[in-house]
Amino acid sequence: MVRIKPFAAVRPPKELVEEVAARPYDVLNSQEAKAEAGEKSLLHITKPEIDFDPIIDEHSQQAYDKAVENFKKWQSAGWLRQDGKPCYYIYAQTMDGRTQYGLVLCAHTDDYAEGKIKKHELTRKEKEDDRMIHVRIQNANIEPVFFAYPDNDEVNSIVSRYTAGAPEYDFVAEDGFGHHFWVIDDQKDIDRLTEIFKGIPAFYVADGHHRTAAAARVGAEKRQQNPSHTGEEEYNYFMAVAFPDSQLKIIDYNRVVKDLNGLSPEEFLAALDKDFVVKEEGTEPYRPDHLHNFSMYLGGKWYSLEAKEGRYDDSDPIGVLDVTLLSNLVLDRILGIKDLRTDKRIDFVGGIRGLGELSRRVDSGEMAVAFALYPVSMKQLVDIADSGKIMPPKTTWFEPKLRSGLAIHLLD
């Protein structure tokens, strides 16, 4: 059962929220962040390298020092202010007419250590270390992690009661996605939510594996440094936005490869015949519409690849995944790509960019072939996390992404 607590968020005044709120640190490179960041944007805190001309190394001490300076400046200028009491918050997002309602809360680092906060991806140490430095130097969780949890009718009822009223924040970002935010400040509701979650069996990390791991490591570090540690200190908790799993939708996460491993297009197509029924679909984009069906773009044409019987194991949470099939039967066996996390010949394209991004990267000559996959389901993600297994890298893409800056959690 998971432990949660309310917190006194540091957040922008209502009239400044659109100027402060920003896309997450890891969906923009430094150049994109510099172009996008207005004067009050949180990007100056999450990607402080953009304040230098030319842009400096994001992992340099100078950049980290600038992040601390900027966070203090945003608070002293009144662009970020702390609430007077611990609250829970509701953060809702609207995309393509569909709205999902998340609870902004603090989760306990022990629940991560004990496996009650379940992950489905491996983390990379260098990314984890970088996020850990940001948490440590700011003494704060500047950006939330994104959790799913099993639906609960009473939580939904409390959330619905608040969302029937006027939101604290309500805006549409430049990408067309709506962001809405309410404050749960009634103590009876706060206490009841804390109690309900004692009966919720687990959280599932949807997005933010590195931030979750980094927050847990900082919590462990701080308890070692505190001789009078009790377990109730604020540093034992980190900020998350938790959504009912039925409201979440995973979209496709696709692959592009630089070369055909020495094969001609004809030889490559012939090699695919061993494990797939290959059908040419023409020049119009072809999107896979069921599990074990893939879309491929090669030489100006789209193809359907249907995995043959016996090539997948529907009884195995990992073996059933299309990313596993593609990795084993195509990327490894034919193209010689053994490690998706380190091989420079492969890149990954979130489905939010559309199939046109795949054909564009191949037509430009940058890549030789592209593959689009049928999205993983929430049930598959939960099954894998519950089994303790790990998905292949770059399997899930959640959209819309959480905006950073709507709430910040201080660790003291």
Protein backbone atom coordinates (compact mmCIF):
# COMPACT_ATOMS: atom_id res chain seq x y z
CA MET A 1 0.00 0.00 0.00
CA VAL A 2 1.38 3.41 -0.94
CA ARG A 3 2.02 6.44 1.26
CA ILE A 4 1.20 9.92 0.08
CA LYS A 5 1.17 13.33 1.69
CA PRO A 6 0.08 16.85 0.76
CA PHE A 7 2.65 19.63 0.35
CA ALA A 8 2.80 23.41 0.21
CA ALA A 9 3.58 23.91 -3.46
CA VAL A 10 5.80 26.65 -4.81
CA ARG A 11 3.91 27.83 -7.90
CA PRO A 12 3.22 30.85 -10.10
CA PRO A 13 0.53 33.45 -9.46
CA LYS A 14 -2.49 32.81 -11.67
CA GLU A 15 -1.70 35.70 -14.01
CA LEU A 16 1.85 34.42 -14.69
CA VAL A 17 1.25 30.69 -15.09
CA GLU A 18 1.40 30.67 -18.90
CA GLU A 19 4.70 32.56 -18.85
CA VAL A 20 6.29 30.31 -16.21
CA ALA A 21 4.98 26.86 -17.24
CA ALA A 22 7.28 25.01 -19.63
CA ARG A 23 7.70 21.71 -21.39
CA PRO A 24 9.77 19.10 -19.50
CA TYR A 25 13.56 19.32 -19.60
CA ASP A 26 13.97 16.10 -21.61
CA VAL A 27 11.69 16.84 -24.58
CA LEU A 28 13.73 19.82 -25.78
CA ASN A 29 17.37 20.15 -26.71
CA SER A 30 19.23 23.25 -25.53
CA GLN A 31 18.75 25.15 -28.80
CA GLU A 32 15.00 24.48 -28.84
CA ALA A 33 14.74 25.47 -25.16
CA LYS A 34 16.59 28.76 -25.77
CA ALA A 35 14.27 29.62 -28.66
CA GLU A 36 11.17 28.73 -26.65
CA ALA A 37 12.00 30.31 -23.28
CA GLY A 38 10.43 33.65 -22.45
CA GLU A 39 11.74 35.85 -19.65
CA LYS A 40 9.87 34.02 -16.85
CA SER A 41 9.97 30.48 -18.30
CA LEU A 42 10.91 27.65 -15.95
CA LEU A 43 13.32 26.49 -18.69
CA HIS A 44 15.83 28.97 -17.23
CA ILE A 45 15.79 26.76 -14.11
CA THR A 46 15.49 23.30 -15.70
CA LYS A 47 17.84 24.02 -18.65
CA PRO A 48 20.03 26.87 -17.33
CA GLU A 49 22.68 26.36 -20.03
CA ILE A 50 20.42 28.44 -22.30
CA ASP A 51 21.27 31.60 -20.34
CA PHE A 52 24.80 31.60 -21.80
CA ASP A 53 25.89 32.75 -25.23
CA PRO A 54 27.05 30.49 -26.67
CA ILE A 55 25.08 27.78 -24.85
CA ILE A 56 27.33 25.94 -22.39
CA ASP A 57 27.50 22.27 -21.35
CA GLU A 58 24.30 21.45 -19.44
CA HIS A 59 26.31 19.28 -17.02
CA SER A 60 28.86 21.97 -16.14
CA GLN A 61 29.13 23.46 -12.65
CA GLN A 62 28.44 26.87 -14.18
CA ALA A 63 25.09 25.61 -15.48
CA TYR A 64 24.16 24.05 -12.11
CA ASP A 65 25.08 27.29 -10.29
CA LYS A 66 22.91 29.25 -12.71
CA ALA A 67 19.96 26.93 -12.02
CA VAL A 68 20.19 27.69 -8.28
CA GLU A 69 20.56 31.43 -8.92
CA ASN A 70 17.53 31.44 -11.21
CA PHE A 71 15.31 29.47 -8.82
CA LYS A 72 16.07 32.00 -6.06
CA LYS A 73 15.46 34.89 -8.47
CA TRP A 74 12.06 33.52 -9.59
CA GLN A 75 10.97 33.31 -5.94
CA SER A 76 12.28 36.73 -4.91
CA ALA A 77 10.64 38.31 -7.98
CA GLY A 78 7.30 36.76 -7.03
CA TRP A 79 7.13 34.66 -10.20
CA LEU A 80 6.98 31.62 -7.91
CA ARG A 81 5.33 31.72 -4.48
CA GLN A 82 4.78 29.07 -1.80
CA ASP A 83 1.27 28.17 -0.65
CA GLY A 84 0.51 28.80 3.01
CA LYS A 85 -0.48 25.22 3.87
CA PRO A 86 0.05 21.66 2.56
CA CYS A 87 -2.55 20.79 -0.07
CA TYR A 88 -3.21 18.25 -2.76
CA TYR A 89 -3.77 19.57 -6.27
CA ILE A 90 -5.58 18.36 -9.36
CA TYR A 91 -3.82 18.69 -12.70
CA ALA A 92 -5.95 17.86 -15.74
CA GLN A 93 -4.79 17.75 -19.35
CA THR A 94 -6.91 17.86 -22.50
CA MET A 95 -5.74 16.44 -25.83
CA ASP A 96 -7.90 15.68 -28.89
CA GLY A 97 -11.07 16.18 -26.86
CA ARG A 98 -10.00 13.70 -24.14
CA THR A 99 -9.23 14.91 -20.58
CA GLN A 100 -7.25 13.02 -17.92
CA TYR A 101 -7.33 14.07 -14.26
CA GLY A 102 -4.20 13.66 -12.14
CA LEU A 103 -3.65 14.15 -8.41
CA VAL A 104 -0.53 16.17 -7.55
CA LEU A 105 0.94 14.62 -4.41
CA CYS A 106 4.09 13.56 -2.66
CA ALA A 107 5.07 9.88 -2.77
CA HIS A 108 7.43 8.21 -0.28
CA THR A 109 10.97 7.23 -1.32
CA ASP A 110 10.70 4.00 0.72
CA ASP A 111 7.84 2.87 -1.51
CA TYR A 112 10.22 3.11 -4.46
CA ALA A 113 12.94 1.18 -2.58
CA GLU A 114 10.40 -1.49 -1.57
CA GLY A 115 8.97 -1.91 -5.08
CA LYS A 116 5.55 -0.39 -4.38
CA ILE A 117 6.36 2.27 -6.96
CA LYS A 118 6.82 -0.03 -9.94
CA LYS A 119 9.01 0.69 -12.92
CA HIS A 120 9.01 -0.84 -16.39
CA GLU A 121 12.22 0.66 -17.83
CA LEU A 122 15.91 0.61 -17.00
CA THR A 123 17.54 3.94 -16.22
CA ARG A 124 20.86 5.23 -17.50
CA LYS A 125 23.26 6.17 -14.71
CA GLU A 126 24.48 9.40 -16.33
CA LYS A 127 20.91 10.72 -16.74
CA GLU A 128 20.03 9.64 -13.20
CA ASP A 129 23.15 11.37 -11.84
CA ASP A 130 22.29 14.61 -13.66
CA ARG A 131 18.73 14.68 -12.29
CA MET A 132 20.06 13.83 -8.82
CA ILE A 133 22.35 16.87 -8.93
CA HIS A 134 19.40 19.11 -9.83
CA VAL A 135 17.33 17.79 -6.90
CA ARG A 136 20.28 18.11 -4.52
CA ILE A 137 21.38 21.64 -5.46
CA GLN A 138 17.83 23.04 -5.47
CA ASN A 139 16.72 21.05 -2.42
CA ALA A 140 13.51 20.63 -4.38
CA ASN A 141 11.66 18.53 -6.92
CA ILE A 142 11.35 21.14 -9.66
CA GLU A 143 9.57 18.81 -12.11
CA PRO A 144 7.01 16.10 -11.23
CA VAL A 145 7.11 12.46 -12.23
CA PHE A 146 4.12 10.87 -13.96
CA PHE A 147 2.43 7.93 -12.19
CA ALA A 148 -0.53 5.70 -12.94
CA TYR A 149 -2.57 3.95 -10.26
CA PRO A 150 -5.55 1.54 -10.28
CA ASP A 151 -8.86 3.37 -10.59
CA ASN A 152 -10.60 4.26 -7.33
CA ASP A 153 -14.22 5.47 -7.32
CA GLU A 154 -13.89 7.54 -4.14
CA VAL A 155 -10.82 9.41 -5.42
CA ASN A 156 -12.64 10.05 -8.70
CA SER A 157 -15.63 11.39 -6.74
CA ILE A 158 -13.50 13.85 -4.72
CA VAL A 159 -11.70 14.99 -7.88
CA SER A 160 -15.02 15.46 -9.72
CA ARG A 161 -16.36 17.65 -6.91
CA TYR A 162 -13.42 20.06 -7.23
CA THR A 163 -13.28 20.06 -11.03
CA ALA A 164 -16.95 21.10 -11.14
CA GLY A 165 -15.72 24.47 -9.86
CA ALA A 166 -13.56 27.12 -11.52
CA PRO A 167 -9.90 26.09 -11.95
CA GLU A 168 -6.98 27.97 -10.43
CA TYR A 169 -5.12 27.71 -13.76
CA ASP A 170 -6.71 27.13 -17.15
CA PHE A 171 -4.80 27.62 -20.40
CA VAL A 172 -4.08 26.09 -23.78
CA ALA A 173 -0.38 25.75 -24.57
CA GLU A 174 1.17 26.46 -27.96
CA ASP A 175 0.87 22.78 -28.94
CA GLY A 176 -2.91 22.95 -28.55
CA PHE A 177 -3.12 20.90 -25.35
CA GLY A 178 -5.22 22.23 -22.47
CA HIS A 179 -3.89 22.42 -18.89
CA HIS A 180 -6.23 22.88 -15.91
CA PHE A 181 -5.34 23.02 -12.20
CA TRP A 182 -7.35 23.06 -8.96
CA VAL A 183 -6.27 23.29 -5.29
CA ILE A 184 -7.64 20.74 -2.79
CA ASP A 185 -7.38 22.75 0.43
CA ASP A 186 -10.24 21.38 2.56
CA GLN A 187 -8.58 19.46 5.41
CA LYS A 188 -11.28 16.74 5.49
CA ASP A 189 -10.66 15.98 1.79
CA ILE A 190 -6.89 16.09 2.29
CA ASP A 191 -7.05 13.62 5.19
CA ARG A 192 -9.44 11.33 3.32
CA LEU A 193 -7.24 11.18 0.21
CA THR A 194 -4.20 10.32 2.35
CA GLU A 195 -6.24 7.50 3.93
CA ILE A 196 -7.67 6.16 0.64
CA PHE A 197 -4.19 5.76 -0.86
CA LYS A 198 -3.17 3.50 2.03
CA GLY A 199 -5.42 1.01 0.25
CA ILE A 200 -3.98 1.60 -3.24
CA PRO A 201 -1.61 -1.33 -3.88
CA ALA A 202 0.95 0.38 -6.12
CA PHE A 203 1.99 3.30 -8.26
CA TYR A 204 3.31 2.65 -11.79
CA VAL A 205 5.94 4.97 -13.24
CA ALA A 206 4.49 6.05 -16.58
CA ASP A 207 7.04 8.76 -17.40
CA GLY A 208 10.00 10.00 -15.40
CA HIS A 209 11.99 6.90 -14.43
CA HIS A 210 15.19 8.95 -14.09
CA ARG A 211 13.53 11.65 -11.96
CA THR A 212 11.97 8.98 -9.72
CA ALA A 213 15.29 7.19 -9.21
CA ALA A 214 17.10 10.50 -8.62
CA ALA A 215 14.55 11.65 -6.01
CA ALA A 216 14.83 8.33 -4.15
CA ARG A 217 18.63 8.58 -4.14
CA VAL A 218 18.58 12.14 -2.76
CA GLY A 219 16.17 11.03 -0.03
CA ALA A 220 18.51 8.19 0.94
CA GLU A 221 21.49 10.57 0.90
CA LYS A 222 19.75 13.07 3.18
CA ARG A 223 18.70 10.46 5.74
CA GLN A 224 22.31 9.26 5.99
CA GLN A 225 23.39 12.85 6.67
CA ASN A 226 20.76 13.40 9.37
CA PRO A 227 21.63 11.73 12.72
CA SER A 228 18.13 12.46 14.08
CA HIS A 229 16.30 11.10 11.01
CA THR A 230 12.70 10.04 11.81
CA GLY A 231 11.28 9.12 8.38
CA GLU A 232 8.74 11.95 8.46
CA GLU A 233 11.04 14.64 7.04
CA GLU A 234 10.01 16.32 3.79
CA TYR A 235 13.06 14.86 1.99
CA ASN A 236 11.52 11.38 2.34
CA TYR A 237 8.90 12.43 -0.21
CA PHE A 238 8.98 13.51 -3.83
CA MET A 239 6.45 15.12 -6.14
CA ALA A 240 4.34 13.16 -8.61
CA VAL A 241 1.17 13.57 -10.64
CA ALA A 242 -0.81 10.33 -10.36
CA PHE A 243 -3.54 9.46 -12.89
CA PRO A 244 -6.12 6.65 -12.82
CA ASP A 245 -4.79 4.05 -15.26
CA SER A 246 -8.08 3.88 -17.21
CA GLN A 247 -7.67 7.53 -18.26
CA LEU A 248 -4.20 7.15 -19.77
CA LYS A 249 -3.37 6.43 -23.37
CA ILE A 250 0.01 5.25 -24.62
CA ILE A 251 0.93 6.21 -28.17
CA ASP A 252 3.41 4.58 -30.52
CA TYR A 253 7.18 4.94 -30.12
CA ASN A 254 8.85 4.33 -33.46
CA ARG A 255 12.32 3.54 -34.81
CA VAL A 256 14.55 4.85 -37.61
CA VAL A 257 17.81 3.17 -38.67
CA LYS A 258 20.74 4.75 -40.52
CA ASP A 259 21.68 1.84 -42.83
CA LEU A 260 20.70 -1.67 -43.93
CA ASN A 261 23.82 -3.35 -42.49
CA GLY A 262 25.41 -3.78 -45.93
CA LEU A 263 22.29 -5.22 -47.58
CA SER A 264 20.59 -3.86 -50.68
CA PRO A 265 16.88 -2.97 -50.28
CA GLU A 266 16.00 -6.14 -52.20
CA GLU A 267 18.18 -8.32 -49.95
CA PHE A 268 16.71 -6.67 -46.87
CA LEU A 269 13.13 -7.33 -48.03
CA ALA A 270 14.06 -10.95 -48.77
CA ALA A 271 15.54 -11.34 -45.28
CA LEU A 272 12.29 -10.08 -43.74
CA ASP A 273 10.34 -12.88 -45.48
CA LYS A 274 11.68 -15.42 -42.97
CA ASP A 275 9.60 -14.03 -40.10
CA PHE A 276 7.04 -11.67 -41.66
CA VAL A 277 4.40 -11.57 -44.36
CA VAL A 278 5.59 -8.49 -46.27
CA LYS A 279 3.04 -6.51 -48.27
CA GLU A 280 3.73 -3.31 -50.23
CA GLU A 281 1.22 -0.56 -49.32
CA GLY A 282 2.26 2.21 -51.74
CA THR A 283 3.30 5.81 -51.12
CA GLU A 284 0.54 6.81 -48.67
CA PRO A 285 1.47 6.35 -44.98
CA TYR A 286 0.44 2.97 -43.58
CA ARG A 287 -0.30 2.73 -39.83
CA PRO A 288 -0.34 -0.65 -38.06
CA ASP A 289 -3.79 -1.33 -36.59
CA HIS A 290 -3.23 -4.41 -34.41
CA LEU A 291 -0.62 -6.21 -32.35
CA HIS A 292 2.19 -7.97 -34.30
CA ASN A 293 1.59 -5.81 -37.37
CA PHE A 294 4.30 -3.28 -38.27
CA SER A 295 4.62 -0.42 -40.70
CA MET A 296 7.89 0.05 -42.58
CA TYR A 297 9.06 2.88 -44.82
CA LEU A 298 11.84 2.01 -47.27
CA GLY A 299 12.86 3.49 -50.61
CA GLY A 300 9.87 5.84 -50.86
CA LYS A 301 7.30 3.09 -50.18
CA TRP A 302 5.30 1.93 -47.15
CA TYR A 303 5.04 -1.75 -46.27
CA SER A 304 2.95 -3.85 -43.91
CA LEU A 305 4.93 -6.47 -41.96
CA GLU A 306 2.76 -9.14 -40.31
CA ALA A 307 4.67 -11.38 -37.89
CA LYS A 308 4.22 -15.06 -38.75
CA GLU A 309 2.78 -17.54 -36.25
CA GLY A 310 5.29 -18.85 -33.74
CA ARG A 311 7.43 -15.70 -33.77
CA TYR A 312 5.92 -14.30 -30.57
CA ASP A 313 4.86 -15.59 -27.17
CA ASP A 314 1.51 -14.16 -26.06
CA SER A 315 1.88 -15.82 -22.64
CA ASP A 316 5.06 -13.88 -21.84
CA PRO A 317 4.62 -10.19 -20.81
CA ILE A 318 7.86 -9.28 -22.66
CA GLY A 319 7.67 -11.81 -25.49
CA VAL A 320 4.27 -10.50 -26.58
CA LEU A 321 5.57 -6.93 -27.09
CA ASP A 322 6.06 -5.70 -30.63
CA VAL A 323 9.21 -3.85 -29.57
CA THR A 324 10.62 -7.26 -28.56
CA LEU A 325 9.66 -8.80 -31.90
CA LEU A 326 11.16 -5.97 -33.92
CA SER A 327 14.33 -5.92 -31.81
CA ASN A 328 14.93 -9.67 -32.05
CA LEU A 329 13.80 -10.45 -35.59
CA VAL A 330 14.83 -7.29 -37.47
CA LEU A 331 17.10 -4.93 -35.57
CA ASP A 332 19.33 -7.67 -34.12
CA ARG A 333 19.05 -10.59 -36.58
CA ILE A 334 19.16 -8.61 -39.83
CA LEU A 335 20.51 -5.14 -39.03
CA GLY A 336 23.07 -6.13 -36.36
CA ILE A 337 21.81 -3.67 -33.70
CA LYS A 338 22.42 -5.44 -30.37
CA ASP A 339 21.90 -2.70 -27.78
CA LEU A 340 19.14 -0.14 -28.33
CA ARG A 341 20.49 2.08 -25.54
CA THR A 342 24.00 2.54 -26.96
CA ASP A 343 23.95 1.85 -30.72
CA LYS A 344 24.34 5.11 -32.65
CA ARG A 345 22.78 3.65 -35.83
CA ILE A 346 19.26 3.77 -34.38
CA ASP A 347 17.07 6.65 -33.25
CA PHE A 348 13.58 6.83 -31.74
CA VAL A 349 10.64 8.98 -32.79
CA GLY A 350 7.63 9.60 -30.52
CA GLY A 351 4.33 8.95 -32.24
CA ILE A 352 3.20 12.49 -31.49
CA ARG A 353 5.40 13.57 -34.42
CA GLY A 354 3.34 11.46 -36.83
CA LEU A 355 4.30 9.03 -39.59
CA GLY A 356 5.38 11.95 -41.77
CA GLU A 357 8.42 12.42 -39.52
CA LEU A 358 9.50 8.83 -40.32
CA SER A 359 9.27 9.29 -44.10
CA ARG A 360 10.92 12.71 -43.85
CA ARG A 361 13.98 11.32 -42.09
CA VAL A 362 14.34 8.50 -44.63
CA ASP A 363 13.68 10.69 -47.69
CA SER A 364 16.29 13.20 -46.47
CA GLY A 365 18.96 10.48 -46.65
CA GLU A 366 19.67 10.74 -42.92
CA MET A 367 18.08 7.31 -42.33
CA ALA A 368 17.67 4.23 -44.52
CA VAL A 369 14.54 2.64 -43.06
CA ALA A 370 11.78 3.47 -40.56
CA PHE A 371 9.43 1.27 -38.53
CA ALA A 372 6.13 2.26 -36.88
CA LEU A 373 4.73 0.05 -34.12
CA TYR A 374 1.29 -0.60 -32.68
CA PRO A 375 1.21 1.09 -29.23
CA VAL A 376 1.65 -0.81 -25.99
CA SER A 377 -1.50 -0.95 -23.84
CA MET A 378 -1.75 0.17 -20.20
CA LYS A 379 -2.61 -3.45 -19.32
CA GLN A 380 0.65 -4.65 -20.88
CA LEU A 381 2.61 -2.00 -18.95
CA VAL A 382 0.96 -2.98 -15.64
CA ASP A 383 1.47 -6.71 -16.31
CA ILE A 384 5.17 -6.16 -16.97
CA ALA A 385 5.67 -3.92 -13.93
CA ASP A 386 3.78 -6.40 -11.72
CA SER A 387 5.92 -9.28 -13.00
CA GLY A 388 9.09 -7.37 -12.09
CA LYS A 389 10.29 -7.48 -15.71
CA ILE A 390 11.69 -4.59 -17.71
CA MET A 391 10.50 -3.38 -21.10
CA PRO A 392 13.00 -2.81 -23.90
CA PRO A 393 14.17 0.83 -24.11
CA LYS A 394 11.90 3.41 -25.74
CA THR A 395 8.73 1.34 -25.60
CA THR A 396 6.12 3.76 -24.24
CA TRP A 397 5.30 7.35 -25.13
CA PHE A 398 2.72 9.16 -23.03
CA GLU A 399 1.06 12.30 -24.33
CA PRO A 400 0.35 14.99 -23.37
CA LYS A 401 3.50 15.57 -21.34
CA LEU A 402 3.18 17.22 -17.94
CA ARG A 403 3.96 20.93 -17.97
CA SER A 404 6.69 21.85 -15.50
CA GLY A 405 6.26 24.83 -13.20
CA LEU A 406 2.63 24.39 -12.11
CA ALA A 407 3.88 23.06 -8.75
CA ILE A 408 7.32 22.60 -7.14
CA HIS A 409 8.05 20.61 -3.97
CA LEU A 410 10.65 21.87 -1.47
CA LEU A 411 12.55 19.20 0.47
CA ASP A 412 12.70 21.11 3.76
